[in-house]
Amino acid sequence: MRILDAFGSLASALLAGIVMLAFAILSLFVTVFVVDIAASIARLDPADGFVVLGATILAGTAIIAGGMGFARPEEQT
């Protein structure tokens, strides 16, 4: 039974990783759109590389900030 539990845990971790990767890619696309719209509202015309760089920085920091709550060790009660 323990071997089946281990495979279940592995499958669960892989599925969670795939879902998190999909959401990270989706959030990057949305952030690229938001940065591009914000630049056009400000009447700026940045190069596409700078739009992607700004969106990547924003999406990456949001992902890191969202995962920080999981990195804290459990407190002993």
PDB file of N, CA and C in Angstrom:
ATOM      1  N   MET A   1       0.810  -1.199   0.000  1.00  0.00           N
ATOM      2  CA  MET A   1       0.000   0.000   0.000  1.00  0.00           C
ATOM      3  C   MET A   1       0.856   1.267   0.000  1.00  0.00           C
ATOM      4  N   ARG A   2       1.999   1.226   0.660  1.00  0.00           N
ATOM      5  CA  ARG A   2       2.829   2.427   0.748  1.00  0.00           C
ATOM      6  C   ARG A   2       3.385   2.813  -0.618  1.00  0.00           C
ATOM      7  N   ILE A   3       3.638   1.816  -1.463  1.00  0.00           N
ATOM      8  CA  ILE A   3       4.142   2.126  -2.804  1.00  0.00           C
ATOM      9  C   ILE A   3       3.066   2.854  -3.595  1.00  0.00           C
ATOM     10  N   LEU A   4       1.820   2.418  -3.482  1.00  0.00           N
ATOM     11  CA  LEU A   4       0.736   3.099  -4.179  1.00  0.00           C
ATOM     12  C   LEU A   4       0.534   4.516  -3.640  1.00  0.00           C
ATOM     13  N   ASP A   5       0.708   4.688  -2.344  1.00  0.00           N
ATOM     14  CA  ASP A   5       0.617   6.029  -1.762  1.00  0.00           C
ATOM     15  C   ASP A   5       1.727   6.931  -2.292  1.00  0.00           C
ATOM     16  N   ALA A   6       2.924   6.372  -2.462  1.00  0.00           N
ATOM     17  CA  ALA A   6       4.047   7.149  -2.987  1.00  0.00           C
ATOM     18  C   ALA A   6       3.788   7.571  -4.430  1.00  0.00           C
ATOM     19  N   PHE A   7       3.251   6.653  -5.235  1.00  0.00           N
ATOM     20  CA  PHE A   7       2.932   7.007  -6.615  1.00  0.00           C
ATOM     21  C   PHE A   7       1.800   8.026  -6.679  1.00  0.00           C
ATOM     22  N   GLY A   8       0.854   7.925  -5.770  1.00  0.00           N
ATOM     23  CA  GLY A   8      -0.219   8.915  -5.704  1.00  0.00           C
ATOM     24  C   GLY A   8       0.306  10.292  -5.356  1.00  0.00           C
ATOM     25  N   SER A   9       1.237  10.331  -4.424  1.00  0.00           N
ATOM     26  CA  SER A   9       1.856  11.614  -4.050  1.00  0.00           C
ATOM     27  C   SER A   9       2.659  12.187  -5.212  1.00  0.00           C
ATOM     28  N   LEU A  10       3.369  11.316  -5.924  1.00  0.00           N
ATOM     29  CA  LEU A  10       4.150  11.769  -7.065  1.00  0.00           C
ATOM     30  C   LEU A  10       3.240  12.315  -8.167  1.00  0.00           C
ATOM     31  N   ALA A  11       2.162  11.599  -8.456  1.00  0.00           N
ATOM     32  CA  ALA A  11       1.219  12.055  -9.480  1.00  0.00           C
ATOM     33  C   ALA A  11       0.566  13.368  -9.063  1.00  0.00           C
ATOM     34  N   SER A  12       0.243  13.501  -7.804  1.00  0.00           N
ATOM     35  CA  SER A  12      -0.359  14.734  -7.307  1.00  0.00           C
ATOM     36  C   SER A  12       0.612  15.902  -7.424  1.00  0.00           C
ATOM     37  N   ALA A  13       1.861  15.682  -7.092  1.00  0.00           N
ATOM     38  CA  ALA A  13       2.865  16.739  -7.187  1.00  0.00           C
ATOM     39  C   ALA A  13       3.104  17.141  -8.643  1.00  0.00           C
ATOM     40  N   LEU A  14       3.147  16.174  -9.537  1.00  0.00           N
ATOM     41  CA  LEU A  14       3.342  16.488 -10.956  1.00  0.00           C
ATOM     42  C   LEU A  14       2.157  17.265 -11.516  1.00  0.00           C
ATOM     43  N   LEU A  15       0.961  16.850 -11.163  1.00  0.00           N
ATOM     44  CA  LEU A  15      -0.231  17.549 -11.625  1.00  0.00           C
ATOM     45  C   LEU A  15      -0.273  18.977 -11.081  1.00  0.00           C
ATOM     46  N   ALA A  16       0.070  19.133  -9.814  1.00  0.00           N
ATOM     47  CA  ALA A  16       0.099  20.478  -9.224  1.00  0.00           C
ATOM     48  C   ALA A  16       1.154  21.347  -9.902  1.00  0.00           C
ATOM     49  N   GLY A  17       2.301  20.771 -10.225  1.00  0.00           N
ATOM     50  CA  GLY A  17       3.349  21.518 -10.918  1.00  0.00           C
ATOM     51  C   GLY A  17       2.913  21.962 -12.303  1.00  0.00           C
ATOM     52  N   ILE A  18       2.230  21.089 -13.021  1.00  0.00           N
ATOM     53  CA  ILE A  18       1.741  21.431 -14.357  1.00  0.00           C
ATOM     54  C   ILE A  18       0.701  22.540 -14.282  1.00  0.00           C
ATOM     55  N   VAL A  19      -0.194  22.447 -13.310  1.00  0.00           N
ATOM     56  CA  VAL A  19      -1.221  23.481 -13.154  1.00  0.00           C
ATOM     57  C   VAL A  19      -0.585  24.818 -12.775  1.00  0.00           C
ATOM     58  N   MET A  20       0.383  24.797 -11.884  1.00  0.00           N
ATOM     59  CA  MET A  20       1.055  26.041 -11.495  1.00  0.00           C
ATOM     60  C   MET A  20       1.814  26.657 -12.667  1.00  0.00           C
ATOM     61  N   LEU A  21       2.445  25.830 -13.494  1.00  0.00           N
ATOM     62  CA  LEU A  21       3.142  26.326 -14.671  1.00  0.00           C
ATOM     63  C   LEU A  21       2.164  26.949 -15.658  1.00  0.00           C
ATOM     64  N   ALA A  22       1.027  26.309 -15.847  1.00  0.00           N
ATOM     65  CA  ALA A  22       0.008  26.852 -16.751  1.00  0.00           C
ATOM     66  C   ALA A  22      -0.499  28.205 -16.247  1.00  0.00           C
ATOM     67  N   PHE A  23      -0.745  28.310 -14.943  1.00  0.00           N
ATOM     68  CA  PHE A  23      -1.200  29.594 -14.397  1.00  0.00           C
ATOM     69  C   PHE A  23      -0.110  30.655 -14.475  1.00  0.00           C
ATOM     70  N   ALA A  24       1.153  30.274 -14.336  1.00  0.00           N
ATOM     71  CA  ALA A  24       2.247  31.240 -14.461  1.00  0.00           C
ATOM     72  C   ALA A  24       2.325  31.778 -15.885  1.00  0.00           C
ATOM     73  N   ILE A  25       2.181  30.907 -16.867  1.00  0.00           N
ATOM     74  CA  ILE A  25       2.207  31.347 -18.262  1.00  0.00           C
ATOM     75  C   ILE A  25       1.005  32.230 -18.560  1.00  0.00           C
ATOM     76  N   LEU A  26      -0.156  31.837 -18.074  1.00  0.00           N
ATOM     77  CA  LEU A  26      -1.361  32.644 -18.281  1.00  0.00           C
ATOM     78  C   LEU A  26      -1.226  34.022 -17.638  1.00  0.00           C
ATOM     79  N   SER A  27      -0.679  34.069 -16.435  1.00  0.00           N
ATOM     80  CA  SER A  27      -0.512  35.363 -15.768  1.00  0.00           C
ATOM     81  C   SER A  27       0.495  36.234 -16.504  1.00  0.00           C
ATOM     82  N   LEU A  28       1.507  35.628 -17.123  1.00  0.00           N
ATOM     83  CA  LEU A  28       2.463  36.412 -17.906  1.00  0.00           C
ATOM     84  C   LEU A  28       1.777  37.030 -19.119  1.00  0.00           C
ATOM     85  N   PHE A  29       0.938  36.260 -19.812  1.00  0.00           N
ATOM     86  CA  PHE A  29       0.222  36.803 -20.968  1.00  0.00           C
ATOM     87  C   PHE A  29      -0.696  37.958 -20.567  1.00  0.00           C
ATOM     88  N   VAL A  30      -1.393  37.791 -19.479  1.00  0.00           N
ATOM     89  CA  VAL A  30      -2.290  38.855 -19.006  1.00  0.00           C
ATOM     90  C   VAL A  30      -1.484  40.089 -18.617  1.00  0.00           C
ATOM     91  N   THR A  31      -0.348  39.883 -17.961  1.00  0.00           N
ATOM     92  CA  THR A  31       0.470  41.013 -17.526  1.00  0.00           C
ATOM     93  C   THR A  31       1.093  41.741 -18.717  1.00  0.00           C
ATOM     94  N   VAL A  32       1.476  40.994 -19.767  1.00  0.00           N
ATOM     95  CA  VAL A  32       1.979  41.643 -20.983  1.00  0.00           C
ATOM     96  C   VAL A  32       0.898  42.554 -21.558  1.00  0.00           C
ATOM     97  N   PHE A  33      -0.330  42.075 -21.592  1.00  0.00           N
ATOM     98  CA  PHE A  33      -1.450  42.880 -22.086  1.00  0.00           C
ATOM     99  C   PHE A  33      -1.633  44.135 -21.234  1.00  0.00           C
ATOM    100  N   VAL A  34      -1.586  43.987 -19.921  1.00  0.00           N
ATOM    101  CA  VAL A  34      -1.782  45.128 -19.016  1.00  0.00           C
ATOM    102  C   VAL A  34      -0.661  46.153 -19.167  1.00  0.00           C
ATOM    103  N   VAL A  35       0.586  45.681 -19.255  1.00  0.00           N
ATOM    104  CA  VAL A  35       1.712  46.611 -19.402  1.00  0.00           C
ATOM    105  C   VAL A  35       1.626  47.335 -20.749  1.00  0.00           C
ATOM    106  N   ASP A  36       1.241  46.619 -21.791  1.00  0.00           N
ATOM    107  CA  ASP A  36       1.118  47.244 -23.108  1.00  0.00           C
ATOM    108  C   ASP A  36       0.016  48.311 -23.114  1.00  0.00           C
ATOM    109  N   ILE A  37      -1.117  48.006 -22.496  1.00  0.00           N
ATOM    110  CA  ILE A  37      -2.209  48.984 -22.416  1.00  0.00           C
ATOM    111  C   ILE A  37      -1.799  50.184 -21.562  1.00  0.00           C
ATOM    112  N   ALA A  38      -1.106  49.936 -20.452  1.00  0.00           N
ATOM    113  CA  ALA A  38      -0.666  51.040 -19.590  1.00  0.00           C
ATOM    114  C   ALA A  38       0.329  51.933 -20.316  1.00  0.00           C
ATOM    115  N   ALA A  39       1.207  51.353 -21.116  1.00  0.00           N
ATOM    116  CA  ALA A  39       2.159  52.160 -21.881  1.00  0.00           C
ATOM    117  C   ALA A  39       1.439  52.986 -22.937  1.00  0.00           C
ATOM    118  N   SER A  40       0.414  52.424 -23.558  1.00  0.00           N
ATOM    119  CA  SER A  40      -0.310  53.194 -24.570  1.00  0.00           C
ATOM    120  C   SER A  40      -1.150  54.303 -23.935  1.00  0.00           C
ATOM    121  N   ILE A  41      -1.667  54.079 -22.736  1.00  0.00           N
ATOM    122  CA  ILE A  41      -2.407  55.134 -22.030  1.00  0.00           C
ATOM    123  C   ILE A  41      -1.473  56.292 -21.686  1.00  0.00           C
ATOM    124  N   ALA A  42      -0.235  55.953 -21.335  1.00  0.00           N
ATOM    125  CA  ALA A  42       0.758  56.990 -21.003  1.00  0.00           C
ATOM    126  C   ALA A  42       1.399  57.582 -22.254  1.00  0.00           C
ATOM    127  N   ARG A  43       0.909  57.172 -23.427  1.00  0.00           N
ATOM    128  CA  ARG A  43       1.417  57.633 -24.721  1.00  0.00           C
ATOM    129  C   ARG A  43       2.896  57.336 -24.883  1.00  0.00           C
ATOM    130  N   LEU A  44       3.287  56.143 -24.439  1.00  0.00           N
ATOM    131  CA  LEU A  44       4.653  55.660 -24.623  1.00  0.00           C
ATOM    132  C   LEU A  44       4.644  54.572 -25.690  1.00  0.00           C
ATOM    133  N   ASP A  45       5.750  54.418 -26.372  1.00  0.00           N
ATOM    134  CA  ASP A  45       5.869  53.372 -27.375  1.00  0.00           C
ATOM    135  C   ASP A  45       7.153  52.576 -27.120  1.00  0.00           C
ATOM    136  N   PRO A  46       7.161  51.769 -26.047  1.00  0.00           N
ATOM    137  CA  PRO A  46       8.374  51.013 -25.747  1.00  0.00           C
ATOM    138  C   PRO A  46       8.557  49.858 -26.728  1.00  0.00           C
ATOM    139  N   ALA A  47       9.775  49.394 -26.828  1.00  0.00           N
ATOM    140  CA  ALA A  47      10.051  48.230 -27.656  1.00  0.00           C
ATOM    141  C   ALA A  47       9.373  47.006 -27.029  1.00  0.00           C
ATOM    142  N   ASP A  48       9.100  46.021 -27.867  1.00  0.00           N
ATOM    143  CA  ASP A  48       8.408  44.825 -27.372  1.00  0.00           C
ATOM    144  C   ASP A  48       9.200  44.113 -26.278  1.00  0.00           C
ATOM    145  N   GLY A  49      10.516  44.161 -26.369  1.00  0.00           N
ATOM    146  CA  GLY A  49      11.347  43.517 -25.351  1.00  0.00           C
ATOM    147  C   GLY A  49      11.171  44.126 -23.977  1.00  0.00           C
ATOM    148  N   PHE A  50      11.009  45.451 -23.938  1.00  0.00           N
ATOM    149  CA  PHE A  50      10.814  46.115 -22.652  1.00  0.00           C
ATOM    150  C   PHE A  50       9.431  45.830 -22.070  1.00  0.00           C
ATOM    151  N   VAL A  51       8.445  45.671 -22.931  1.00  0.00           N
ATOM    152  CA  VAL A  51       7.102  45.315 -22.449  1.00  0.00           C
ATOM    153  C   VAL A  51       7.138  43.927 -21.831  1.00  0.00           C
ATOM    154  N   VAL A  52       7.787  42.993 -22.511  1.00  0.00           N
ATOM    155  CA  VAL A  52       7.882  41.625 -21.991  1.00  0.00           C
ATOM    156  C   VAL A  52       8.719  41.591 -20.715  1.00  0.00           C
ATOM    157  N   LEU A  53       9.799  42.373 -20.671  1.00  0.00           N
ATOM    158  CA  LEU A  53      10.623  42.434 -19.461  1.00  0.00           C
ATOM    159  C   LEU A  53       9.841  42.973 -18.276  1.00  0.00           C
ATOM    160  N   GLY A  54       9.095  44.059 -18.492  1.00  0.00           N
ATOM    161  CA  GLY A  54       8.284  44.607 -17.401  1.00  0.00           C
ATOM    162  C   GLY A  54       7.214  43.637 -16.939  1.00  0.00           C
ATOM    163  N   ALA A  55       6.570  42.962 -17.884  1.00  0.00           N
ATOM    164  CA  ALA A  55       5.541  41.994 -17.523  1.00  0.00           C
ATOM    165  C   ALA A  55       6.134  40.798 -16.795  1.00  0.00           C
ATOM    166  N   THR A  56       7.310  40.366 -17.209  1.00  0.00           N
ATOM    167  CA  THR A  56       7.964  39.229 -16.554  1.00  0.00           C
ATOM    168  C   THR A  56       8.346  39.571 -15.116  1.00  0.00           C
ATOM    169  N   ILE A  57       8.846  40.766 -14.902  1.00  0.00           N
ATOM    170  CA  ILE A  57       9.209  41.185 -13.544  1.00  0.00           C
ATOM    171  C   ILE A  57       7.965  41.249 -12.663  1.00  0.00           C
ATOM    172  N   LEU A  58       6.893  41.837 -13.182  1.00  0.00           N
ATOM    173  CA  LEU A  58       5.657  41.930 -12.395  1.00  0.00           C
ATOM    174  C   LEU A  58       5.059  40.558 -12.106  1.00  0.00           C
ATOM    175  N   ALA A  59       4.983  39.693 -13.110  1.00  0.00           N
ATOM    176  CA  ALA A  59       4.406  38.360 -12.915  1.00  0.00           C
ATOM    177  C   ALA A  59       5.279  37.517 -11.989  1.00  0.00           C
ATOM    178  N   GLY A  60       6.591  37.624 -12.157  1.00  0.00           N
ATOM    179  CA  GLY A  60       7.500  36.847 -11.302  1.00  0.00           C
ATOM    180  C   GLY A  60       7.421  37.249  -9.842  1.00  0.00           C
ATOM    181  N   THR A  61       7.375  38.542  -9.587  1.00  0.00           N
ATOM    182  CA  THR A  61       7.273  38.977  -8.191  1.00  0.00           C
ATOM    183  C   THR A  61       5.925  38.614  -7.586  1.00  0.00           C
ATOM    184  N   ALA A  62       4.866  38.625  -8.401  1.00  0.00           N
ATOM    185  CA  ALA A  62       3.552  38.218  -7.883  1.00  0.00           C
ATOM    186  C   ALA A  62       3.540  36.732  -7.541  1.00  0.00           C
ATOM    187  N   ILE A  63       4.186  35.918  -8.366  1.00  0.00           N
ATOM    188  CA  ILE A  63       4.255  34.480  -8.097  1.00  0.00           C
ATOM    189  C   ILE A  63       5.084  34.207  -6.849  1.00  0.00           C
ATOM    190  N   ILE A  64       6.218  34.906  -6.726  1.00  0.00           N
ATOM    191  CA  ILE A  64       7.070  34.714  -5.545  1.00  0.00           C
ATOM    192  C   ILE A  64       6.351  35.178  -4.282  1.00  0.00           C
ATOM    193  N   ALA A  65       5.684  36.312  -4.358  1.00  0.00           N
ATOM    194  CA  ALA A  65       4.961  36.825  -3.190  1.00  0.00           C
ATOM    195  C   ALA A  65       3.819  35.892  -2.803  1.00  0.00           C
ATOM    196  N   GLY A  66       3.166  35.296  -3.775  1.00  0.00           N
ATOM    197  CA  GLY A  66       2.086  34.360  -3.478  1.00  0.00           C
ATOM    198  C   GLY A  66       2.583  33.084  -2.832  1.00  0.00           C
ATOM    199  N   GLY A  67       3.794  32.671  -3.151  1.00  0.00           N
ATOM    200  CA  GLY A  67       4.340  31.441  -2.591  1.00  0.00           C
ATOM    201  C   GLY A  67       5.072  31.630  -1.277  1.00  0.00           C
ATOM    202  N   MET A  68       5.261  32.855  -0.838  1.00  0.00           N
ATOM    203  CA  MET A  68       6.016  33.090   0.392  1.00  0.00           C
ATOM    204  C   MET A  68       5.299  32.549   1.617  1.00  0.00           C
ATOM    205  N   GLY A  69       3.988  32.513   1.604  1.00  0.00           N
ATOM    206  CA  GLY A  69       3.252  32.003   2.755  1.00  0.00           C
ATOM    207  C   GLY A  69       3.472  30.517   2.976  1.00  0.00           C
ATOM    208  N   PHE A  70       3.833  29.800   1.919  1.00  0.00           N
ATOM    209  CA  PHE A  70       4.061  28.367   2.040  1.00  0.00           C
ATOM    210  C   PHE A  70       5.453  28.044   2.540  1.00  0.00           C
ATOM    211  N   ALA A  71       6.358  29.014   2.533  1.00  0.00           N
ATOM    212  CA  ALA A  71       7.749  28.755   2.892  1.00  0.00           C
ATOM    213  C   ALA A  71       8.008  28.886   4.381  1.00  0.00           C
ATOM    214  N   ARG A  72       7.041  29.377   5.141  1.00  0.00           N
ATOM    215  CA  ARG A  72       7.265  29.542   6.576  1.00  0.00           C
ATOM    216  C   ARG A  72       7.191  28.196   7.289  1.00  0.00           C
ATOM    217  N   PRO A  73       8.117  27.965   8.194  1.00  0.00           N
ATOM    218  CA  PRO A  73       8.053  26.713   8.944  1.00  0.00           C
ATOM    219  C   PRO A  73       6.869  26.717   9.919  1.00  0.00           C
ATOM    220  N   GLU A  74       6.372  25.555  10.208  1.00  0.00           N
ATOM    221  CA  GLU A  74       5.255  25.457  11.142  1.00  0.00           C
ATOM    222  C   GLU A  74       5.730  25.770  12.559  1.00  0.00           C
ATOM    223  N   GLU A  75       4.890  26.474  13.288  1.00  0.00           N
ATOM    224  CA  GLU A  75       5.231  26.814  14.666  1.00  0.00           C
ATOM    225  C   GLU A  75       4.830  25.676  15.583  1.00  0.00           C
ATOM    226  N   GLN A  76       5.668  25.448  16.582  1.00  0.00           N
ATOM    227  CA  GLN A  76       5.376  24.410  17.568  1.00  0.00           C
ATOM    228  C   GLN A  76       4.374  24.936  18.583  1.00  0.00           C
ATOM    229  N   THR A  77       3.343  24.180  18.843  1.00  0.00           N
ATOM    230  CA  THR A  77       2.341  24.623  19.820  1.00  0.00           C
ATOM    231  C   THR A  77       2.368  23.747  21.042  1.00  0.00           C
TER     232      THR A  77
END
